[in-house]
Amino acid sequence: VQLQASGGGLVQAGGSLRLSCAASGRTFSSYGMGWFRQGPGKEREFVAAINWNGGSTRYTGSVKGRFTISRDNAKNTVLLQMNSLTAEDTAVYYCAAACSSGWNAQEYGYCYWGQGTQVTVSS
């Protein structure tokens, strides 16, 4: 499985970005997907996850109401719409494919990882 994350960049506080993760090499619709991030000097943390058909999602508390995860199984893509960004959202964002069809908030639940895309929010 190969995952390619894109869409990161520099944005002002209060702005928006949409991250995209393209998957190849496996039946995309059979597994859950997640986004994690690692800020400067911090450990990698869970951001959002979605199950195989998009019917169930989960968010970490700090992004609820601001971020939206979605997926398009026809295009083998998972998206992370990020609104009302703050400096605390600055991080490298990683997409990951779960080892099962459900969502998971723990890193051990993911079998494949993308390379990461940098998001920088200026205050």
C-alpha atoms as a PDB file:
ATOM      1  CA  VAL A   1       0.000   0.000   0.000  1.00  0.00           C
ATOM      2  CA  GLN A   2       1.235   3.446  -0.894  1.00  0.00           C
ATOM      3  CA  LEU A   3      -0.185   6.635   0.560  1.00  0.00           C
ATOM      4  CA  GLN A   4       0.566  10.071  -0.808  1.00  0.00           C
ATOM      5  CA  ALA A   5      -0.464  13.067   1.276  1.00  0.00           C
ATOM      6  CA  SER A   6      -0.692  16.532  -0.217  1.00  0.00           C
ATOM      7  CA  GLY A   7      -2.279  19.909   0.334  1.00  0.00           C
ATOM      8  CA  GLY A   8      -0.141  21.270   3.126  1.00  0.00           C
ATOM      9  CA  GLY A   9       1.254  24.767   3.129  1.00  0.00           C
ATOM     10  CA  LEU A  10       1.448  28.089   4.901  1.00  0.00           C
ATOM     11  CA  VAL A  11      -1.782  29.747   5.978  1.00  0.00           C
ATOM     12  CA  GLN A  12      -2.718  32.579   8.294  1.00  0.00           C
ATOM     13  CA  ALA A  13      -4.541  31.935  11.518  1.00  0.00           C
ATOM     14  CA  GLY A  14      -8.252  31.646  10.881  1.00  0.00           C
ATOM     15  CA  GLY A  15      -7.688  30.299   7.403  1.00  0.00           C
ATOM     16  CA  SER A  16      -8.424  26.916   5.862  1.00  0.00           C
ATOM     17  CA  LEU A  17      -6.580  24.110   4.144  1.00  0.00           C
ATOM     18  CA  ARG A  18      -7.686  20.829   2.664  1.00  0.00           C
ATOM     19  CA  LEU A  19      -5.373  17.866   2.882  1.00  0.00           C
ATOM     20  CA  SER A  20      -5.699  14.977   0.491  1.00  0.00           C
ATOM     21  CA  CYS A  21      -4.356  11.451   0.726  1.00  0.00           C
ATOM     22  CA  ALA A  22      -4.282   9.247  -2.347  1.00  0.00           C
ATOM     23  CA  ALA A  23      -4.023   5.496  -1.831  1.00  0.00           C
ATOM     24  CA  SER A  24      -2.856   2.807  -4.194  1.00  0.00           C
ATOM     25  CA  GLY A  25      -1.927  -0.836  -4.106  1.00  0.00           C
ATOM     26  CA  ARG A  26      -4.835  -2.218  -2.139  1.00  0.00           C
ATOM     27  CA  THR A  27      -8.640  -2.254  -2.094  1.00  0.00           C
ATOM     28  CA  PHE A  28      -9.101   1.201  -0.612  1.00  0.00           C
ATOM     29  CA  SER A  29     -12.723   0.755   0.390  1.00  0.00           C
ATOM     30  CA  SER A  30     -11.983  -2.220   2.639  1.00  0.00           C
ATOM     31  CA  TYR A  31     -10.172  -0.356   5.402  1.00  0.00           C
ATOM     32  CA  GLY A  32     -10.423   2.629   7.683  1.00  0.00           C
ATOM     33  CA  MET A  33      -8.273   5.719   7.265  1.00  0.00           C
ATOM     34  CA  GLY A  34      -6.848   8.224   9.678  1.00  0.00           C
ATOM     35  CA  TRP A  35      -4.916  11.438   9.988  1.00  0.00           C
ATOM     36  CA  PHE A  36      -2.246  12.050  12.589  1.00  0.00           C
ATOM     37  CA  ARG A  37       0.027  15.026  13.159  1.00  0.00           C
ATOM     38  CA  GLN A  38       3.332  15.797  14.802  1.00  0.00           C
ATOM     39  CA  GLY A  39       4.006  19.337  15.915  1.00  0.00           C
ATOM     40  CA  PRO A  40       7.430  20.834  16.643  1.00  0.00           C
ATOM     41  CA  GLY A  41       8.914  19.112  19.680  1.00  0.00           C
ATOM     42  CA  LYS A  42       5.805  17.006  20.182  1.00  0.00           C
ATOM     43  CA  GLU A  43       4.886  13.380  19.800  1.00  0.00           C
ATOM     44  CA  ARG A  44       2.691  12.307  16.945  1.00  0.00           C
ATOM     45  CA  GLU A  45      -0.983  12.514  17.864  1.00  0.00           C
ATOM     46  CA  PHE A  46      -4.294  11.351  16.485  1.00  0.00           C
ATOM     47  CA  VAL A  47      -6.369  13.911  14.592  1.00  0.00           C
ATOM     48  CA  ALA A  48      -9.260  12.186  12.829  1.00  0.00           C
ATOM     49  CA  ALA A  49     -10.354   8.827  11.487  1.00  0.00           C
ATOM     50  CA  ILE A  50     -13.058   7.421   9.255  1.00  0.00           C
ATOM     51  CA  ASN A  51     -14.311   3.896   8.743  1.00  0.00           C
ATOM     52  CA  TRP A  52     -14.386   2.016   5.464  1.00  0.00           C
ATOM     53  CA  ASN A  53     -17.581   3.509   4.045  1.00  0.00           C
ATOM     54  CA  GLY A  54     -17.488   6.932   5.657  1.00  0.00           C
ATOM     55  CA  GLY A  55     -20.377   6.148   7.949  1.00  0.00           C
ATOM     56  CA  SER A  56     -18.421   6.633  11.139  1.00  0.00           C
ATOM     57  CA  THR A  57     -15.857   9.254  12.058  1.00  0.00           C
ATOM     58  CA  ARG A  58     -13.843  10.245  15.119  1.00  0.00           C
ATOM     59  CA  TYR A  59     -11.966  13.420  16.004  1.00  0.00           C
ATOM     60  CA  THR A  60      -9.617  14.482  18.714  1.00  0.00           C
ATOM     61  CA  GLY A  61     -11.153  17.125  20.947  1.00  0.00           C
ATOM     62  CA  SER A  62      -9.056  20.063  19.809  1.00  0.00           C
ATOM     63  CA  VAL A  63     -10.227  19.812  16.193  1.00  0.00           C
ATOM     64  CA  LYS A  64     -13.903  18.958  16.672  1.00  0.00           C
ATOM     65  CA  GLY A  65     -16.095  21.417  14.852  1.00  0.00           C
ATOM     66  CA  ARG A  66     -13.166  22.731  12.817  1.00  0.00           C
ATOM     67  CA  PHE A  67     -11.875  19.694  10.901  1.00  0.00           C
ATOM     68  CA  THR A  68     -13.840  17.292   8.740  1.00  0.00           C
ATOM     69  CA  ILE A  69     -12.602  13.959   7.470  1.00  0.00           C
ATOM     70  CA  SER A  70     -14.213  12.395   4.433  1.00  0.00           C
ATOM     71  CA  ARG A  71     -13.427   9.813   1.819  1.00  0.00           C
ATOM     72  CA  ASP A  72     -14.188   9.075  -1.791  1.00  0.00           C
ATOM     73  CA  ASN A  73     -13.802   5.363  -2.386  1.00  0.00           C
ATOM     74  CA  ALA A  74     -14.278   5.774  -6.118  1.00  0.00           C
ATOM     75  CA  LYS A  75     -11.181   7.978  -6.206  1.00  0.00           C
ATOM     76  CA  ASN A  76      -9.189   6.138  -3.521  1.00  0.00           C
ATOM     77  CA  THR A  77      -8.871   9.385  -1.622  1.00  0.00           C
ATOM     78  CA  VAL A  78      -9.370  10.594   1.923  1.00  0.00           C
ATOM     79  CA  LEU A  79      -9.654  14.296   2.689  1.00  0.00           C
ATOM     80  CA  LEU A  80      -9.159  16.420   5.763  1.00  0.00           C
ATOM     81  CA  GLN A  81     -10.852  19.805   5.562  1.00  0.00           C
ATOM     82  CA  MET A  82      -9.301  22.110   8.151  1.00  0.00           C
ATOM     83  CA  ASN A  83     -11.015  25.381   9.041  1.00  0.00           C
ATOM     84  CA  SER A  84     -10.361  28.084  11.619  1.00  0.00           C
ATOM     85  CA  LEU A  85      -6.731  27.080  11.821  1.00  0.00           C
ATOM     86  CA  THR A  86      -4.596  28.244  14.712  1.00  0.00           C
ATOM     87  CA  ALA A  87      -0.864  28.214  15.376  1.00  0.00           C
ATOM     88  CA  GLU A  88      -1.396  25.107  17.504  1.00  0.00           C
ATOM     89  CA  ASP A  89      -2.375  23.220  14.340  1.00  0.00           C
ATOM     90  CA  THR A  90       1.117  23.676  12.916  1.00  0.00           C
ATOM     91  CA  ALA A  91       2.503  20.199  12.343  1.00  0.00           C
ATOM     92  CA  VAL A  92       3.434  17.568   9.828  1.00  0.00           C
ATOM     93  CA  TYR A  93       0.227  15.746   8.966  1.00  0.00           C
ATOM     94  CA  TYR A  94       0.296  12.043   8.145  1.00  0.00           C
ATOM     95  CA  CYS A  95      -2.383   9.923   6.588  1.00  0.00           C
ATOM     96  CA  ALA A  96      -2.555   6.273   7.489  1.00  0.00           C
ATOM     97  CA  ALA A  97      -4.449   3.180   6.444  1.00  0.00           C
ATOM     98  CA  ALA A  98      -5.932   1.097   9.227  1.00  0.00           C
ATOM     99  CA  CYS A  99      -5.325  -2.610   9.628  1.00  0.00           C
ATOM    100  CA  SER A 100      -9.106  -3.132   9.618  1.00  0.00           C
ATOM    101  CA  SER A 101     -12.304  -1.659   8.182  1.00  0.00           C
ATOM    102  CA  GLY A 102     -13.077   0.457  11.241  1.00  0.00           C
ATOM    103  CA  TRP A 103     -11.615   3.685  12.511  1.00  0.00           C
ATOM    104  CA  ASN A 104      -8.956   3.725  15.197  1.00  0.00           C
ATOM    105  CA  ALA A 105      -7.528   6.500  17.333  1.00  0.00           C
ATOM    106  CA  GLN A 106      -4.343   4.617  18.149  1.00  0.00           C
ATOM    107  CA  GLU A 107      -1.231   4.391  16.009  1.00  0.00           C
ATOM    108  CA  TYR A 108      -0.998   0.635  16.506  1.00  0.00           C
ATOM    109  CA  GLY A 109      -4.261   0.299  14.600  1.00  0.00           C
ATOM    110  CA  TYR A 110      -2.633   1.476  11.384  1.00  0.00           C
ATOM    111  CA  CYS A 111      -0.589  -0.691   9.087  1.00  0.00           C
ATOM    112  CA  TYR A 112       0.464   1.804   6.425  1.00  0.00           C
ATOM    113  CA  TRP A 113       1.643   5.401   6.610  1.00  0.00           C
ATOM    114  CA  GLY A 114       2.147   8.194   4.143  1.00  0.00           C
ATOM    115  CA  GLN A 115       5.126  10.503   4.056  1.00  0.00           C
ATOM    116  CA  GLY A 116       3.524  13.520   5.697  1.00  0.00           C
ATOM    117  CA  THR A 117       2.703  17.022   4.548  1.00  0.00           C
ATOM    118  CA  GLN A 118       3.695  20.194   6.403  1.00  0.00           C
ATOM    119  CA  VAL A 119       1.028  22.578   7.638  1.00  0.00           C
ATOM    120  CA  THR A 120       2.220  25.891   9.028  1.00  0.00           C
ATOM    121  CA  VAL A 121      -0.211  28.377  10.526  1.00  0.00           C
ATOM    122  CA  SER A 122       1.089  31.887  11.093  1.00  0.00           C
ATOM    123  CA  SER A 123      -0.382  33.917  13.908  1.00  0.00           C
END
